[in-house]
PDB file of N, CA and C in Angstrom:
ATOM      1  N   MET A   1    -165.425-115.014   8.478  1.00  0.00           N
ATOM      2  CA  MET A   1    -165.613-115.387   7.046  1.00  0.00           C
ATOM      3  C   MET A   1    -164.315-114.531   6.428  1.00  0.00           C
ATOM      4  N   GLU A   2    -163.497-115.741   5.701  1.00  0.00           N
ATOM      5  CA  GLU A   2    -162.071-115.560   5.752  1.00  0.00           C
ATOM      6  C   GLU A   2    -162.520-115.029   3.789  1.00  0.00           C
ATOM      7  N   THR A   3    -161.348-114.205   3.541  1.00  0.00           N
ATOM      8  CA  THR A   3    -161.143-113.574   2.094  1.00  0.00           C
ATOM      9  C   THR A   3    -159.910-113.910   1.841  1.00  0.00           C
ATOM     10  N   LYS A   4    -160.004-114.379   0.463  1.00  0.00           N
ATOM     11  CA  LYS A   4    -159.426-115.032  -0.392  1.00  0.00           C
ATOM     12  C   LYS A   4    -158.151-113.759  -1.275  1.00  0.00           C
ATOM     13  N   LYS A   5    -156.646-114.010  -0.337  1.00  0.00           N
ATOM     14  CA  LYS A   5    -155.904-112.972  -1.476  1.00  0.00           C
ATOM     15  C   LYS A   5    -155.656-113.275  -3.627  1.00  0.00           C
ATOM     16  N   GLU A   6    -156.106-112.145  -3.829  1.00  0.00           N
ATOM     17  CA  GLU A   6    -156.453-112.605  -5.143  1.00  0.00           C
ATOM     18  C   GLU A   6    -154.967-112.518  -5.716  1.00  0.00           C
ATOM     19  N   THR A   7    -154.278-113.701  -6.718  1.00  0.00           N
ATOM     20  CA  THR A   7    -152.707-113.705  -7.306  1.00  0.00           C
ATOM     21  C   THR A   7    -152.750-113.430  -8.196  1.00  0.00           C
ATOM     22  N   TRP A   8    -151.711-112.494  -8.730  1.00  0.00           N
ATOM     23  CA  TRP A   8    -151.701-111.974 -10.206  1.00  0.00           C
ATOM     24  C   TRP A   8    -150.391-112.147 -11.073  1.00  0.00           C
ATOM     25  N   TYR A   9    -150.917-111.889 -12.090  1.00  0.00           N
ATOM     26  CA  TYR A   9    -149.388-112.814 -13.284  1.00  0.00           C
ATOM     27  C   TYR A   9    -149.099-111.573 -13.908  1.00  0.00           C
ATOM     28  N   CYS A  10    -148.056-111.385 -13.963  1.00  0.00           N
ATOM     29  CA  CYS A  10    -147.386-110.453 -14.924  1.00  0.00           C
ATOM     30  C   CYS A  10    -146.763-111.447 -16.497  1.00  0.00           C
ATOM     31  N   PRO A  11    -147.565-111.204 -17.481  1.00  0.00           N
ATOM     32  CA  PRO A  11    -147.277-111.662 -18.780  1.00  0.00           C
ATOM     33  C   PRO A  11    -145.514-111.812 -19.424  1.00  0.00           C
ATOM     34  N   LYS A  12    -144.896-109.881 -18.606  1.00  0.00           N
ATOM     35  CA  LYS A  12    -144.137-109.842 -19.337  1.00  0.00           C
ATOM     36  C   LYS A  12    -142.833-110.420 -18.966  1.00  0.00           C
ATOM     37  N   CYS A  13    -142.754-110.411 -17.365  1.00  0.00           N
ATOM     38  CA  CYS A  13    -141.927-111.497 -16.255  1.00  0.00           C
ATOM     39  C   CYS A  13    -142.113-112.508 -16.713  1.00  0.00           C
ATOM     40  N   ALA A  14    -142.973-113.231 -16.803  1.00  0.00           N
ATOM     41  CA  ALA A  14    -143.271-114.754 -16.790  1.00  0.00           C
ATOM     42  C   ALA A  14    -143.467-115.271 -15.378  1.00  0.00           C
ATOM     43  N   LYS A  15    -144.121-114.618 -14.271  1.00  0.00           N
ATOM     44  CA  LYS A  15    -143.957-114.794 -12.840  1.00  0.00           C
ATOM     45  C   LYS A  15    -145.033-114.089 -12.511  1.00  0.00           C
ATOM     46  N   ALA A  16    -145.997-115.059 -11.247  1.00  0.00           N
ATOM     47  CA  ALA A  16    -146.328-114.558 -10.212  1.00  0.00           C
ATOM     48  C   ALA A  16    -146.367-113.297  -9.443  1.00  0.00           C
ATOM     49  N   VAL A  17    -147.253-112.767  -9.031  1.00  0.00           N
ATOM     50  CA  VAL A  17    -146.790-111.438  -8.550  1.00  0.00           C
ATOM     51  C   VAL A  17    -147.774-110.962  -7.284  1.00  0.00           C
ATOM     52  N   ALA A  18    -147.100-111.410  -5.648  1.00  0.00           N
ATOM     53  CA  ALA A  18    -148.012-111.608  -4.594  1.00  0.00           C
ATOM     54  C   ALA A  18    -148.430-110.005  -4.383  1.00  0.00           C
ATOM     55  N   GLU A  19    -148.029-109.150  -4.278  1.00  0.00           N
ATOM     56  CA  GLU A  19    -147.937-107.769  -3.910  1.00  0.00           C
ATOM     57  C   GLU A  19    -147.930-106.993  -4.967  1.00  0.00           C
ATOM     58  N   PRO A  20    -148.971-106.451  -5.878  1.00  0.00           N
ATOM     59  CA  PRO A  20    -148.682-105.693  -6.744  1.00  0.00           C
ATOM     60  C   PRO A  20    -148.760-104.420  -6.483  1.00  0.00           C
ATOM     61  N   LEU A  21    -148.688-103.451  -7.627  1.00  0.00           N
ATOM     62  CA  LEU A  21    -148.840-101.685  -7.311  1.00  0.00           C
ATOM     63  C   LEU A  21    -150.321-101.577  -7.996  1.00  0.00           C
ATOM     64  N   VAL A  22    -151.084-100.729  -7.440  1.00  0.00           N
ATOM     65  CA  VAL A  22    -152.630-100.187  -7.812  1.00  0.00           C
ATOM     66  C   VAL A  22    -152.240 -98.668  -8.656  1.00  0.00           C
ATOM     67  N   CYS A  23    -152.735 -98.227  -9.088  1.00  0.00           N
ATOM     68  CA  CYS A  23    -152.836 -97.168  -9.878  1.00  0.00           C
ATOM     69  C   CYS A  23    -153.717 -96.251  -8.911  1.00  0.00           C
ATOM     70  N   GLY A  24    -153.445 -95.145  -8.317  1.00  0.00           N
ATOM     71  CA  GLY A  24    -154.521 -94.071  -7.337  1.00  0.00           C
ATOM     72  C   GLY A  24    -155.040 -93.703  -8.505  1.00  0.00           C
ATOM     73  N   ASP A  25    -155.150 -93.321  -9.853  1.00  0.00           N
ATOM     74  CA  ASP A  25    -155.981 -92.547 -10.806  1.00  0.00           C
ATOM     75  C   ASP A  25    -156.885 -93.669 -11.401  1.00  0.00           C
ATOM     76  N   CYS A  26    -156.364 -94.994 -11.948  1.00  0.00           N
ATOM     77  CA  CYS A  26    -157.340 -95.795 -13.073  1.00  0.00           C
ATOM     78  C   CYS A  26    -157.620 -96.928 -12.706  1.00  0.00           C
ATOM     79  N   LEU A  27    -157.060 -97.054 -11.328  1.00  0.00           N
ATOM     80  CA  LEU A  27    -156.770 -98.500 -10.236  1.00  0.00           C
ATOM     81  C   LEU A  27    -156.451 -99.885 -11.473  1.00  0.00           C
ATOM     82  N   ALA A  28    -155.764 -99.132 -12.554  1.00  0.00           N
ATOM     83  CA  ALA A  28    -154.806-100.652 -12.865  1.00  0.00           C
ATOM     84  C   ALA A  28    -154.116-101.565 -12.159  1.00  0.00           C
ATOM     85  N   VAL A  29    -153.799-102.630 -12.523  1.00  0.00           N
ATOM     86  CA  VAL A  29    -152.834-103.582 -11.494  1.00  0.00           C
ATOM     87  C   VAL A  29    -151.728-104.144 -11.748  1.00  0.00           C
ATOM     88  N   ILE A  30    -150.493-103.134 -11.420  1.00  0.00           N
ATOM     89  CA  ILE A  30    -149.218-103.076 -12.308  1.00  0.00           C
ATOM     90  C   ILE A  30    -148.043-104.488 -11.906  1.00  0.00           C
ATOM     91  N   CYS A  31    -147.143-104.641 -12.617  1.00  0.00           N
ATOM     92  CA  CYS A  31    -146.359-105.069 -11.592  1.00  0.00           C
ATOM     93  C   CYS A  31    -144.915-104.201 -11.144  1.00  0.00           C
ATOM     94  N   ARG A  32    -144.789-104.652  -9.594  1.00  0.00           N
ATOM     95  CA  ARG A  32    -143.777-103.785  -9.334  1.00  0.00           C
ATOM     96  C   ARG A  32    -142.023-103.712  -9.749  1.00  0.00           C
ATOM     97  N   ASP A  33    -142.136-104.912 -10.727  1.00  0.00           N
ATOM     98  CA  ASP A  33    -140.679-105.134 -11.640  1.00  0.00           C
ATOM     99  C   ASP A  33    -140.741-104.278 -12.477  1.00  0.00           C
ATOM    100  N   CYS A  34    -141.552-104.279 -14.134  1.00  0.00           N
ATOM    101  CA  CYS A  34    -141.864-103.917 -14.998  1.00  0.00           C
ATOM    102  C   CYS A  34    -142.776-103.177 -14.889  1.00  0.00           C
ATOM    103  N   GLY A  35    -143.409-102.531 -14.449  1.00  0.00           N
ATOM    104  CA  GLY A  35    -144.794-101.785 -14.677  1.00  0.00           C
ATOM    105  C   GLY A  35    -145.617-102.068 -15.743  1.00  0.00           C
ATOM    106  N   SER A  36    -145.413-103.785 -15.783  1.00  0.00           N
ATOM    107  CA  SER A  36    -147.020-104.086 -16.945  1.00  0.00           C
ATOM    108  C   SER A  36    -148.290-104.374 -16.551  1.00  0.00           C
ATOM    109  N   ALA A  37    -149.346-104.262 -16.706  1.00  0.00           N
ATOM    110  CA  ALA A  37    -150.686-104.580 -16.181  1.00  0.00           C
ATOM    111  C   ALA A  37    -150.194-106.057 -16.314  1.00  0.00           C
ATOM    112  N   LEU A  38    -151.181-106.211 -14.701  1.00  0.00           N
ATOM    113  CA  LEU A  38    -150.905-107.539 -14.517  1.00  0.00           C
ATOM    114  C   LEU A  38    -152.509-108.474 -14.999  1.00  0.00           C
ATOM    115  N   GLU A  39    -152.304-109.727 -15.160  1.00  0.00           N
ATOM    116  CA  GLU A  39    -153.618-110.272 -15.465  1.00  0.00           C
ATOM    117  C   GLU A  39    -153.871-111.475 -14.461  1.00  0.00           C
ATOM    118  N   SER A  40    -154.872-111.577 -13.387  1.00  0.00           N
ATOM    119  CA  SER A  40    -155.531-112.485 -12.418  1.00  0.00           C
ATOM    120  C   SER A  40    -154.980-113.691 -13.100  1.00  0.00           C
ATOM    121  N   ALA A  41    -154.676-114.477 -11.975  1.00  0.00           N
ATOM    122  CA  ALA A  41    -154.182-115.789 -11.745  1.00  0.00           C
ATOM    123  C   ALA A  41    -155.405-117.283 -11.961  1.00  0.00           C
ATOM    124  N   ASP A  42    -156.518-116.337 -11.850  1.00  0.00           N
ATOM    125  CA  ASP A  42    -157.813-117.111 -11.604  1.00  0.00           C
ATOM    126  C   ASP A  42    -158.208-117.222 -12.980  1.00  0.00           C
ATOM    127  N   ASP A  43    -158.584-115.850 -13.743  1.00  0.00           N
ATOM    128  CA  ASP A  43    -158.541-116.089 -14.603  1.00  0.00           C
ATOM    129  C   ASP A  43    -158.074-116.681 -15.878  1.00  0.00           C
ATOM    130  N   LEU A  44    -156.102-117.266 -15.883  1.00  0.00           N
ATOM    131  CA  LEU A  44    -155.659-117.637 -16.132  1.00  0.00           C
ATOM    132  C   LEU A  44    -155.357-119.262 -15.852  1.00  0.00           C
ATOM    133  N   GLY A  45    -156.150-119.708 -14.688  1.00  0.00           N
ATOM    134  CA  GLY A  45    -156.161-121.135 -14.721  1.00  0.00           C
ATOM    135  C   GLY A  45    -154.960-121.912 -13.952  1.00  0.00           C
ATOM    136  N   TYR A  46    -154.147-120.498 -12.956  1.00  0.00           N
ATOM    137  CA  TYR A  46    -152.770-120.729 -12.536  1.00  0.00           C
ATOM    138  C   TYR A  46    -152.748-120.456 -11.440  1.00  0.00           C
ATOM    139  N   GLY A  47    -152.188-120.656 -10.376  1.00  0.00           N
ATOM    140  CA  GLY A  47    -152.192-120.585  -8.791  1.00  0.00           C
ATOM    141  C   GLY A  47    -152.902-121.178  -8.127  1.00  0.00           C
TER     142      GLY A  47
END
């Protein structure tokens, strides 16, 4: 069974983020560069 690795997009940096950070308290997915919340590239039709 193959698992698909999800790609994330940072609206502040305007780029794809392959390895985001995940908050241990709230499980938010954030950008390693600027700390903004990321959006799923699948939801944006990107990637």
